[in-house]
């Protein structure tokens, strides 16, 4: 499974060294951001927690990735998020987070999250017949978009996963 990991400022090289036996990791065009491939996500998350890696800031599992352009970003994000909506249960709170790297001044993380969140809200209301609840601080389910330029990775992160693994954060 793909994972995007963020190092504390200036700790990218140290983090690459600390992670070398846990998967295949490489730097990206963005400072302190690494992309990796791990065989077993849960084992990787357990091992990073056990090691308490001081250079590691955050881990984002990547379930699916795609490319987009500024012209079609909203439409592409909406199309790509549809399969994830089915995993939000009736009555569960949700939120959408967009962690944008690149395209500064072209795409707004907050605006993108708001538009995709409204789209999900509408789908859930139509599906369940009740108004869904948004919780930006501690949702039952968070749909997270991680962008690196025109590449985007997406995942659904549960509250349980965030509580169980220290480095999985919103």
N, C-alpha and C. Protein backbone atom coordinates (compact mmCIF):
# COMPACT_ATOMS: atom_id res chain seq x y z
N UNK A 1 0.85 -1.17 0.00
CA UNK A 1 0.00 0.00 0.00
C UNK A 1 0.89 1.24 0.00
N UNK A 2 0.43 2.26 -0.68
CA UNK A 2 1.17 3.53 -0.70
C UNK A 2 0.89 4.31 0.57
N UNK A 3 1.92 5.02 1.03
CA UNK A 3 1.78 5.92 2.16
C UNK A 3 2.56 7.20 1.85
N UNK A 4 2.01 8.30 2.28
CA UNK A 4 2.70 9.58 2.19
C UNK A 4 3.08 9.93 3.61
N UNK A 5 4.35 10.19 3.84
CA UNK A 5 4.80 10.53 5.18
C UNK A 5 5.42 11.92 5.16
N UNK A 6 5.20 12.63 6.24
CA UNK A 6 5.73 13.98 6.38
C UNK A 6 6.73 13.98 7.52
N UNK A 7 7.90 14.53 7.24
CA UNK A 7 8.95 14.66 8.25
C UNK A 7 8.81 16.01 8.94
N UNK A 8 9.31 16.08 10.15
CA UNK A 8 9.43 17.39 10.79
C UNK A 8 10.41 18.20 9.95
N UNK A 9 10.28 19.51 10.01
CA UNK A 9 11.08 20.40 9.18
C UNK A 9 12.58 20.07 9.27
N UNK A 10 13.16 19.84 8.09
CA UNK A 10 14.58 19.57 8.01
C UNK A 10 15.00 18.14 8.35
N UNK A 11 14.05 17.26 8.59
CA UNK A 11 14.38 15.89 9.01
C UNK A 11 14.15 14.83 7.93
N UNK A 12 14.00 15.26 6.69
CA UNK A 12 13.68 14.33 5.61
C UNK A 12 14.73 13.22 5.46
N UNK A 13 15.99 13.57 5.44
CA UNK A 13 17.05 12.56 5.28
C UNK A 13 17.07 11.57 6.45
N UNK A 14 16.93 12.10 7.65
CA UNK A 14 16.90 11.22 8.82
C UNK A 14 15.72 10.27 8.78
N UNK A 15 14.58 10.77 8.34
CA UNK A 15 13.39 9.93 8.25
C UNK A 15 13.57 8.84 7.20
N UNK A 16 14.16 9.18 6.07
CA UNK A 16 14.44 8.17 5.05
C UNK A 16 15.28 7.03 5.63
N UNK A 17 16.25 7.37 6.42
CA UNK A 17 17.11 6.37 7.06
C UNK A 17 16.31 5.53 8.06
N UNK A 18 15.47 6.17 8.86
CA UNK A 18 14.69 5.46 9.88
C UNK A 18 13.65 4.52 9.27
N UNK A 19 13.18 4.83 8.07
CA UNK A 19 12.12 4.03 7.45
C UNK A 19 12.63 2.97 6.48
N UNK A 20 13.94 2.93 6.24
CA UNK A 20 14.47 2.10 5.16
C UNK A 20 14.14 0.61 5.30
N UNK A 21 13.98 0.11 6.52
CA UNK A 21 13.67 -1.31 6.67
C UNK A 21 12.16 -1.57 6.80
N UNK A 22 11.35 -0.53 6.67
CA UNK A 22 9.89 -0.69 6.81
C UNK A 22 9.14 -0.63 5.49
N UNK A 23 9.85 -0.35 4.42
CA UNK A 23 9.23 -0.24 3.11
C UNK A 23 10.17 0.45 2.15
N UNK A 24 9.65 0.80 1.01
CA UNK A 24 10.43 1.49 -0.01
C UNK A 24 9.99 2.96 -0.04
N UNK A 25 10.89 3.86 0.36
CA UNK A 25 10.55 5.28 0.46
C UNK A 25 11.48 6.13 -0.38
N UNK A 26 10.94 7.24 -0.85
CA UNK A 26 11.75 8.18 -1.63
C UNK A 26 11.24 9.59 -1.40
N UNK A 27 12.13 10.54 -1.63
CA UNK A 27 11.74 11.94 -1.51
C UNK A 27 10.83 12.33 -2.66
N UNK A 28 10.17 13.44 -2.50
CA UNK A 28 9.32 14.00 -3.54
C UNK A 28 9.86 15.38 -3.90
N UNK A 29 9.20 16.06 -4.79
CA UNK A 29 9.60 17.42 -5.16
C UNK A 29 9.27 18.42 -4.05
N UNK A 30 8.63 17.94 -2.99
CA UNK A 30 8.20 18.82 -1.90
C UNK A 30 9.01 18.52 -0.65
N UNK A 31 9.53 19.56 -0.06
CA UNK A 31 10.41 19.45 1.11
C UNK A 31 9.71 18.71 2.25
N UNK A 32 10.42 17.78 2.86
CA UNK A 32 9.97 17.02 4.02
C UNK A 32 8.76 16.12 3.76
N UNK A 33 8.51 15.79 2.50
CA UNK A 33 7.41 14.89 2.13
C UNK A 33 8.00 13.70 1.39
N UNK A 34 7.71 12.50 1.90
CA UNK A 34 8.19 11.25 1.30
C UNK A 34 7.01 10.42 0.83
N UNK A 35 7.23 9.68 -0.24
CA UNK A 35 6.24 8.73 -0.74
C UNK A 35 6.82 7.35 -0.53
N UNK A 36 5.98 6.42 -0.09
CA UNK A 36 6.47 5.08 0.16
C UNK A 36 5.48 4.01 -0.20
N UNK A 37 6.00 2.80 -0.21
CA UNK A 37 5.20 1.60 -0.46
C UNK A 37 5.51 0.64 0.66
N UNK A 38 4.46 0.15 1.35
CA UNK A 38 4.65 -0.81 2.43
C UNK A 38 3.82 -2.06 2.13
N UNK A 39 4.30 -3.20 2.60
CA UNK A 39 3.60 -4.46 2.36
C UNK A 39 2.33 -4.58 3.18
N UNK A 40 2.39 -4.18 4.45
CA UNK A 40 1.28 -4.33 5.38
C UNK A 40 1.11 -3.02 6.14
N UNK A 41 0.04 -2.30 5.86
CA UNK A 41 -0.16 -0.98 6.46
C UNK A 41 -0.23 -1.06 7.98
N UNK A 42 -1.01 -1.98 8.53
CA UNK A 42 -1.13 -2.06 9.98
C UNK A 42 0.20 -2.37 10.65
N UNK A 43 0.96 -3.27 10.08
CA UNK A 43 2.27 -3.60 10.64
C UNK A 43 3.19 -2.38 10.58
N UNK A 44 3.14 -1.64 9.47
CA UNK A 44 3.94 -0.42 9.33
C UNK A 44 3.55 0.61 10.39
N UNK A 45 2.26 0.82 10.57
CA UNK A 45 1.79 1.80 11.55
C UNK A 45 2.16 1.37 12.97
N UNK A 46 2.03 0.10 13.27
CA UNK A 46 2.40 -0.41 14.61
C UNK A 46 3.89 -0.22 14.85
N UNK A 47 4.70 -0.50 13.85
CA UNK A 47 6.14 -0.39 14.00
C UNK A 47 6.58 1.07 14.16
N UNK A 48 5.99 1.98 13.41
CA UNK A 48 6.36 3.39 13.58
C UNK A 48 5.97 3.88 14.96
N UNK A 49 4.82 3.45 15.47
CA UNK A 49 4.42 3.82 16.83
C UNK A 49 5.40 3.26 17.86
N UNK A 50 5.78 2.01 17.68
CA UNK A 50 6.67 1.35 18.63
C UNK A 50 8.04 2.03 18.66
N UNK A 51 8.51 2.45 17.49
CA UNK A 51 9.83 3.07 17.40
C UNK A 51 9.83 4.54 17.84
N UNK A 52 8.68 5.17 17.90
CA UNK A 52 8.58 6.59 18.28
C UNK A 52 9.61 7.42 17.50
N UNK A 53 9.42 7.50 16.21
CA UNK A 53 10.36 8.18 15.32
C UNK A 53 10.26 9.70 15.48
N UNK A 54 11.30 10.30 15.99
CA UNK A 54 11.28 11.73 16.28
C UNK A 54 11.24 12.60 15.03
N UNK A 55 11.72 12.09 13.91
CA UNK A 55 11.71 12.87 12.68
C UNK A 55 10.37 12.78 11.93
N UNK A 56 9.51 11.85 12.34
CA UNK A 56 8.23 11.63 11.67
C UNK A 56 7.14 12.52 12.26
N UNK A 57 6.45 13.24 11.38
CA UNK A 57 5.36 14.11 11.81
C UNK A 57 3.99 13.45 11.60
N UNK A 58 3.78 12.90 10.38
CA UNK A 58 2.44 12.40 10.05
C UNK A 58 2.53 11.34 8.97
N UNK A 59 1.59 10.39 9.04
CA UNK A 59 1.46 9.34 8.02
C UNK A 59 0.06 9.44 7.42
N UNK A 60 0.01 9.40 6.09
CA UNK A 60 -1.28 9.38 5.39
C UNK A 60 -1.31 8.15 4.49
N UNK A 61 -2.14 7.15 4.83
CA UNK A 61 -2.31 6.01 3.92
C UNK A 61 -2.93 6.50 2.62
N UNK A 62 -2.54 5.91 1.51
CA UNK A 62 -3.09 6.29 0.21
C UNK A 62 -3.79 5.06 -0.37
N UNK A 63 -5.11 5.12 -0.43
CA UNK A 63 -5.88 4.00 -0.95
C UNK A 63 -6.01 4.04 -2.47
N UNK A 64 -6.03 5.25 -3.01
CA UNK A 64 -6.22 5.43 -4.44
C UNK A 64 -5.52 6.71 -4.84
N UNK A 65 -4.97 6.74 -6.05
CA UNK A 65 -4.35 7.98 -6.52
C UNK A 65 -4.82 8.28 -7.94
N UNK A 66 -4.71 9.55 -8.29
CA UNK A 66 -5.15 10.02 -9.60
C UNK A 66 -4.46 11.33 -9.93
N UNK A 67 -4.58 11.75 -11.15
CA UNK A 67 -4.05 13.03 -11.61
C UNK A 67 -5.20 13.97 -11.92
N UNK A 68 -4.94 15.26 -11.82
CA UNK A 68 -5.96 16.26 -12.09
C UNK A 68 -5.28 17.51 -12.62
N UNK A 69 -6.08 18.41 -13.16
CA UNK A 69 -5.58 19.72 -13.57
C UNK A 69 -6.40 20.77 -12.84
N UNK A 70 -5.90 21.98 -12.73
CA UNK A 70 -6.67 23.02 -12.05
C UNK A 70 -8.04 23.25 -12.69
N UNK A 71 -8.14 23.03 -13.99
CA UNK A 71 -9.40 23.26 -14.70
C UNK A 71 -10.48 22.26 -14.33
N UNK A 72 -10.07 21.01 -14.02
CA UNK A 72 -11.08 19.98 -13.75
C UNK A 72 -11.00 19.43 -12.33
N UNK A 73 -10.26 20.08 -11.46
CA UNK A 73 -9.98 19.53 -10.12
C UNK A 73 -11.25 19.19 -9.35
N UNK A 74 -12.19 20.10 -9.27
CA UNK A 74 -13.40 19.86 -8.48
C UNK A 74 -14.17 18.66 -9.02
N UNK A 75 -14.35 18.59 -10.33
CA UNK A 75 -15.08 17.48 -10.92
C UNK A 75 -14.35 16.15 -10.70
N UNK A 76 -13.04 16.15 -10.86
CA UNK A 76 -12.27 14.92 -10.68
C UNK A 76 -12.31 14.47 -9.22
N UNK A 77 -12.13 15.40 -8.28
CA UNK A 77 -12.18 15.04 -6.86
C UNK A 77 -13.56 14.46 -6.51
N UNK A 78 -14.62 15.04 -7.02
CA UNK A 78 -15.96 14.53 -6.75
C UNK A 78 -16.14 13.12 -7.32
N UNK A 79 -15.66 12.90 -8.53
CA UNK A 79 -15.79 11.57 -9.15
C UNK A 79 -14.98 10.53 -8.37
N UNK A 80 -13.78 10.89 -7.93
CA UNK A 80 -12.91 9.96 -7.24
C UNK A 80 -13.38 9.64 -5.82
N UNK A 81 -14.13 10.55 -5.21
CA UNK A 81 -14.56 10.34 -3.82
C UNK A 81 -15.80 9.46 -3.71
N UNK A 82 -16.54 9.30 -4.77
CA UNK A 82 -17.81 8.56 -4.71
C UNK A 82 -17.70 7.19 -4.05
N UNK A 83 -16.72 6.34 -4.40
CA UNK A 83 -16.65 5.02 -3.75
C UNK A 83 -16.40 5.09 -2.24
N UNK A 84 -15.79 6.16 -1.77
CA UNK A 84 -15.48 6.31 -0.36
C UNK A 84 -16.73 6.67 0.46
N UNK A 85 -17.69 7.29 -0.17
CA UNK A 85 -18.91 7.74 0.52
C UNK A 85 -19.67 6.55 1.08
N UNK A 86 -19.66 5.43 0.38
CA UNK A 86 -20.37 4.23 0.85
C UNK A 86 -19.83 3.72 2.19
N UNK A 87 -18.62 4.12 2.54
CA UNK A 87 -18.00 3.66 3.80
C UNK A 87 -18.30 4.58 4.99
N UNK A 88 -19.09 5.62 4.74
CA UNK A 88 -19.55 6.49 5.83
C UNK A 88 -20.92 5.97 6.24
N UNK A 89 -21.05 5.49 7.46
CA UNK A 89 -22.30 4.90 7.92
C UNK A 89 -23.35 5.95 8.24
N UNK A 90 -24.58 5.52 8.22
CA UNK A 90 -25.69 6.41 8.58
C UNK A 90 -25.48 6.90 10.02
N UNK A 91 -25.56 8.19 10.21
CA UNK A 91 -25.40 8.78 11.53
C UNK A 91 -23.96 9.06 11.91
N UNK A 92 -22.99 8.61 11.10
CA UNK A 92 -21.59 8.91 11.41
C UNK A 92 -21.26 10.34 10.98
N UNK A 93 -20.42 10.99 11.77
CA UNK A 93 -19.94 12.31 11.38
C UNK A 93 -18.80 12.14 10.38
N UNK A 94 -18.60 13.18 9.56
CA UNK A 94 -17.54 13.11 8.57
C UNK A 94 -16.93 14.48 8.35
N UNK A 95 -15.78 14.48 7.71
CA UNK A 95 -15.17 15.72 7.24
C UNK A 95 -14.32 15.42 6.02
N UNK A 96 -13.96 16.47 5.31
CA UNK A 96 -13.07 16.36 4.16
C UNK A 96 -11.88 17.27 4.42
N UNK A 97 -10.69 16.72 4.24
CA UNK A 97 -9.45 17.49 4.39
C UNK A 97 -8.69 17.43 3.08
N UNK A 98 -8.19 18.57 2.65
CA UNK A 98 -7.35 18.63 1.46
C UNK A 98 -6.02 19.23 1.89
N UNK A 99 -4.98 18.42 1.81
CA UNK A 99 -3.63 18.87 2.12
C UNK A 99 -2.92 19.11 0.80
N UNK A 100 -2.94 20.37 0.36
CA UNK A 100 -2.42 20.75 -0.95
C UNK A 100 -0.94 21.12 -0.86
N UNK A 101 -0.18 20.54 -1.76
CA UNK A 101 1.21 20.93 -1.94
C UNK A 101 1.37 21.29 -3.40
N UNK A 102 1.81 22.49 -3.67
CA UNK A 102 1.88 22.96 -5.05
C UNK A 102 0.59 23.67 -5.42
N UNK A 103 0.60 24.29 -6.58
CA UNK A 103 -0.56 25.02 -7.12
C UNK A 103 -1.04 26.13 -6.19
N UNK A 104 -0.12 26.72 -5.45
CA UNK A 104 -0.47 27.82 -4.55
C UNK A 104 -1.05 28.97 -5.37
N UNK A 105 -2.16 29.50 -4.90
CA UNK A 105 -2.83 30.58 -5.60
C UNK A 105 -3.70 30.13 -6.76
N UNK A 106 -3.61 28.85 -7.09
CA UNK A 106 -4.41 28.30 -8.19
C UNK A 106 -5.57 27.48 -7.64
N UNK A 107 -5.27 26.67 -6.63
CA UNK A 107 -6.28 25.84 -5.97
C UNK A 107 -6.25 26.15 -4.48
N UNK A 108 -7.42 26.33 -3.91
CA UNK A 108 -7.56 26.57 -2.47
C UNK A 108 -7.95 25.27 -1.78
N UNK A 109 -7.15 24.86 -0.80
CA UNK A 109 -7.46 23.64 -0.05
C UNK A 109 -8.82 23.76 0.63
N UNK A 110 -9.06 24.91 1.25
CA UNK A 110 -10.31 25.11 1.98
C UNK A 110 -11.52 25.09 1.04
N UNK A 111 -11.39 25.76 -0.10
CA UNK A 111 -12.51 25.80 -1.05
C UNK A 111 -12.77 24.41 -1.63
N UNK A 112 -11.70 23.69 -1.95
CA UNK A 112 -11.85 22.34 -2.49
C UNK A 112 -12.53 21.43 -1.46
N UNK A 113 -12.08 21.50 -0.20
CA UNK A 113 -12.68 20.68 0.85
C UNK A 113 -14.15 21.03 1.03
N UNK A 114 -14.47 22.30 0.96
CA UNK A 114 -15.86 22.74 1.12
C UNK A 114 -16.74 22.21 -0.02
N UNK A 115 -16.25 22.32 -1.24
CA UNK A 115 -17.05 21.86 -2.39
C UNK A 115 -17.23 20.34 -2.40
N UNK A 116 -16.16 19.62 -2.12
CA UNK A 116 -16.26 18.15 -2.08
C UNK A 116 -17.09 17.72 -0.88
N UNK A 117 -16.92 18.40 0.25
CA UNK A 117 -17.72 18.10 1.44
C UNK A 117 -19.21 18.31 1.20
N UNK A 118 -19.57 19.38 0.52
CA UNK A 118 -20.97 19.64 0.19
C UNK A 118 -21.53 18.56 -0.72
N UNK A 119 -20.72 18.12 -1.67
CA UNK A 119 -21.10 17.04 -2.58
C UNK A 119 -21.37 15.75 -1.79
N UNK A 120 -20.47 15.41 -0.87
CA UNK A 120 -20.65 14.20 -0.04
C UNK A 120 -21.88 14.35 0.83
N UNK A 121 -22.07 15.52 1.43
CA UNK A 121 -23.23 15.79 2.28
C UNK A 121 -24.51 15.50 1.50
N UNK A 122 -24.59 15.98 0.27
CA UNK A 122 -25.78 15.77 -0.57
C UNK A 122 -25.97 14.29 -0.87
N UNK A 123 -24.89 13.58 -1.21
CA UNK A 123 -25.00 12.14 -1.48
C UNK A 123 -25.49 11.38 -0.26
N UNK A 124 -24.97 11.72 0.91
CA UNK A 124 -25.38 11.04 2.15
C UNK A 124 -26.84 11.35 2.49
N UNK A 125 -27.26 12.59 2.28
CA UNK A 125 -28.65 12.96 2.57
C UNK A 125 -29.60 12.19 1.65
N UNK A 126 -29.24 12.12 0.37
CA UNK A 126 -30.08 11.37 -0.58
C UNK A 126 -30.11 9.89 -0.22
N UNK A 127 -28.99 9.34 0.18
CA UNK A 127 -28.90 7.92 0.52
C UNK A 127 -29.66 7.58 1.79
N UNK A 128 -29.47 8.39 2.85
CA UNK A 128 -29.98 8.06 4.16
C UNK A 128 -31.31 8.72 4.52
N UNK A 129 -31.66 9.77 3.80
CA UNK A 129 -32.91 10.46 4.10
C UNK A 129 -32.86 11.36 5.32
N UNK A 130 -31.67 11.57 5.88
CA UNK A 130 -31.49 12.48 7.02
C UNK A 130 -30.29 13.37 6.73
N UNK A 131 -30.26 14.52 7.41
CA UNK A 131 -29.14 15.43 7.20
C UNK A 131 -27.88 14.90 7.88
N UNK A 132 -26.81 14.72 7.10
CA UNK A 132 -25.56 14.23 7.69
C UNK A 132 -24.93 15.30 8.59
N UNK A 133 -24.06 14.85 9.47
CA UNK A 133 -23.39 15.78 10.39
C UNK A 133 -21.91 15.86 10.04
N UNK A 134 -21.43 17.09 9.98
CA UNK A 134 -20.02 17.35 9.72
C UNK A 134 -19.34 17.66 11.05
N UNK A 135 -18.16 17.08 11.26
CA UNK A 135 -17.36 17.35 12.45
C UNK A 135 -15.92 17.53 11.98
N UNK A 136 -15.45 18.76 12.00
CA UNK A 136 -14.12 19.05 11.48
C UNK A 136 -12.99 18.68 12.44
N UNK A 137 -13.31 18.50 13.72
CA UNK A 137 -12.27 18.24 14.71
C UNK A 137 -12.08 16.77 15.03
N UNK A 138 -13.17 16.03 15.20
CA UNK A 138 -13.07 14.62 15.60
C UNK A 138 -14.16 13.79 14.93
N UNK A 139 -14.11 13.69 13.59
CA UNK A 139 -15.17 12.96 12.88
C UNK A 139 -15.02 11.45 13.00
N UNK A 140 -16.13 10.74 12.82
CA UNK A 140 -16.06 9.28 12.74
C UNK A 140 -15.25 8.85 11.53
N UNK A 141 -15.41 9.56 10.42
CA UNK A 141 -14.70 9.25 9.18
C UNK A 141 -14.20 10.55 8.56
N UNK A 142 -12.97 10.53 8.12
CA UNK A 142 -12.38 11.68 7.42
C UNK A 142 -11.91 11.22 6.05
N UNK A 143 -12.33 11.92 5.04
CA UNK A 143 -11.82 11.66 3.70
C UNK A 143 -10.72 12.67 3.46
N UNK A 144 -9.52 12.14 3.22
CA UNK A 144 -8.33 12.99 3.14
C UNK A 144 -7.74 12.92 1.73
N UNK A 145 -7.56 14.09 1.15
CA UNK A 145 -6.89 14.24 -0.14
C UNK A 145 -5.51 14.81 0.12
N UNK A 146 -4.48 14.15 -0.39
CA UNK A 146 -3.09 14.63 -0.28
C UNK A 146 -2.62 14.94 -1.70
N UNK A 147 -2.31 16.20 -1.98
CA UNK A 147 -1.85 16.53 -3.32
C UNK A 147 -0.37 16.86 -3.33
N UNK A 148 0.27 16.47 -4.41
CA UNK A 148 1.65 16.82 -4.72
C UNK A 148 1.61 17.32 -6.17
N UNK A 149 1.53 18.62 -6.35
CA UNK A 149 1.36 19.15 -7.71
C UNK A 149 0.03 18.69 -8.26
N UNK A 150 0.05 18.03 -9.43
CA UNK A 150 -1.20 17.56 -10.04
C UNK A 150 -1.50 16.09 -9.73
N UNK A 151 -0.77 15.50 -8.79
CA UNK A 151 -1.03 14.14 -8.32
C UNK A 151 -1.82 14.23 -7.01
N UNK A 152 -2.76 13.32 -6.83
CA UNK A 152 -3.53 13.31 -5.59
C UNK A 152 -3.72 11.87 -5.10
N UNK A 153 -3.54 11.70 -3.81
CA UNK A 153 -3.84 10.43 -3.15
C UNK A 153 -5.02 10.66 -2.22
N UNK A 154 -5.86 9.66 -2.09
CA UNK A 154 -7.07 9.79 -1.27
C UNK A 154 -7.20 8.58 -0.35
N UNK A 155 -7.73 8.83 0.84
CA UNK A 155 -8.02 7.73 1.76
C UNK A 155 -9.14 8.13 2.70
N UNK A 156 -9.73 7.13 3.31
CA UNK A 156 -10.72 7.34 4.34
C UNK A 156 -10.08 6.90 5.65
N UNK A 157 -10.03 7.81 6.61
CA UNK A 157 -9.40 7.54 7.89
C UNK A 157 -10.47 7.58 8.98
N UNK A 158 -10.59 6.49 9.70
CA UNK A 158 -11.60 6.40 10.75
C UNK A 158 -11.07 6.99 12.05
N UNK A 159 -12.00 7.33 12.93
CA UNK A 159 -11.63 7.81 14.27
C UNK A 159 -10.82 6.73 15.00
N UNK A 160 -11.22 5.48 14.84
CA UNK A 160 -10.51 4.39 15.49
C UNK A 160 -9.06 4.32 15.04
N UNK A 161 -8.84 4.50 13.75
CA UNK A 161 -7.48 4.45 13.22
C UNK A 161 -6.65 5.61 13.79
N UNK A 162 -7.23 6.77 13.88
CA UNK A 162 -6.52 7.93 14.43
C UNK A 162 -6.19 7.73 15.90
N UNK A 163 -7.09 7.09 16.64
CA UNK A 163 -6.83 6.86 18.07
C UNK A 163 -5.81 5.75 18.28
N UNK A 164 -5.81 4.77 17.40
CA UNK A 164 -4.92 3.62 17.55
C UNK A 164 -3.47 3.95 17.16
N UNK A 165 -3.30 4.75 16.11
CA UNK A 165 -1.97 5.03 15.59
C UNK A 165 -1.62 6.50 15.75
N UNK A 166 -0.57 6.76 16.49
CA UNK A 166 -0.17 8.12 16.84
C UNK A 166 0.08 9.02 15.62
N UNK A 167 0.72 8.48 14.60
CA UNK A 167 1.13 9.31 13.45
C UNK A 167 0.05 9.51 12.40
N UNK A 168 -1.09 8.84 12.53
CA UNK A 168 -2.20 9.04 11.60
C UNK A 168 -3.05 10.16 12.16
N UNK A 169 -2.93 11.32 11.54
CA UNK A 169 -3.62 12.53 12.03
C UNK A 169 -4.29 13.24 10.87
N UNK A 170 -5.22 14.10 11.23
CA UNK A 170 -5.87 14.92 10.20
C UNK A 170 -5.10 16.19 9.96
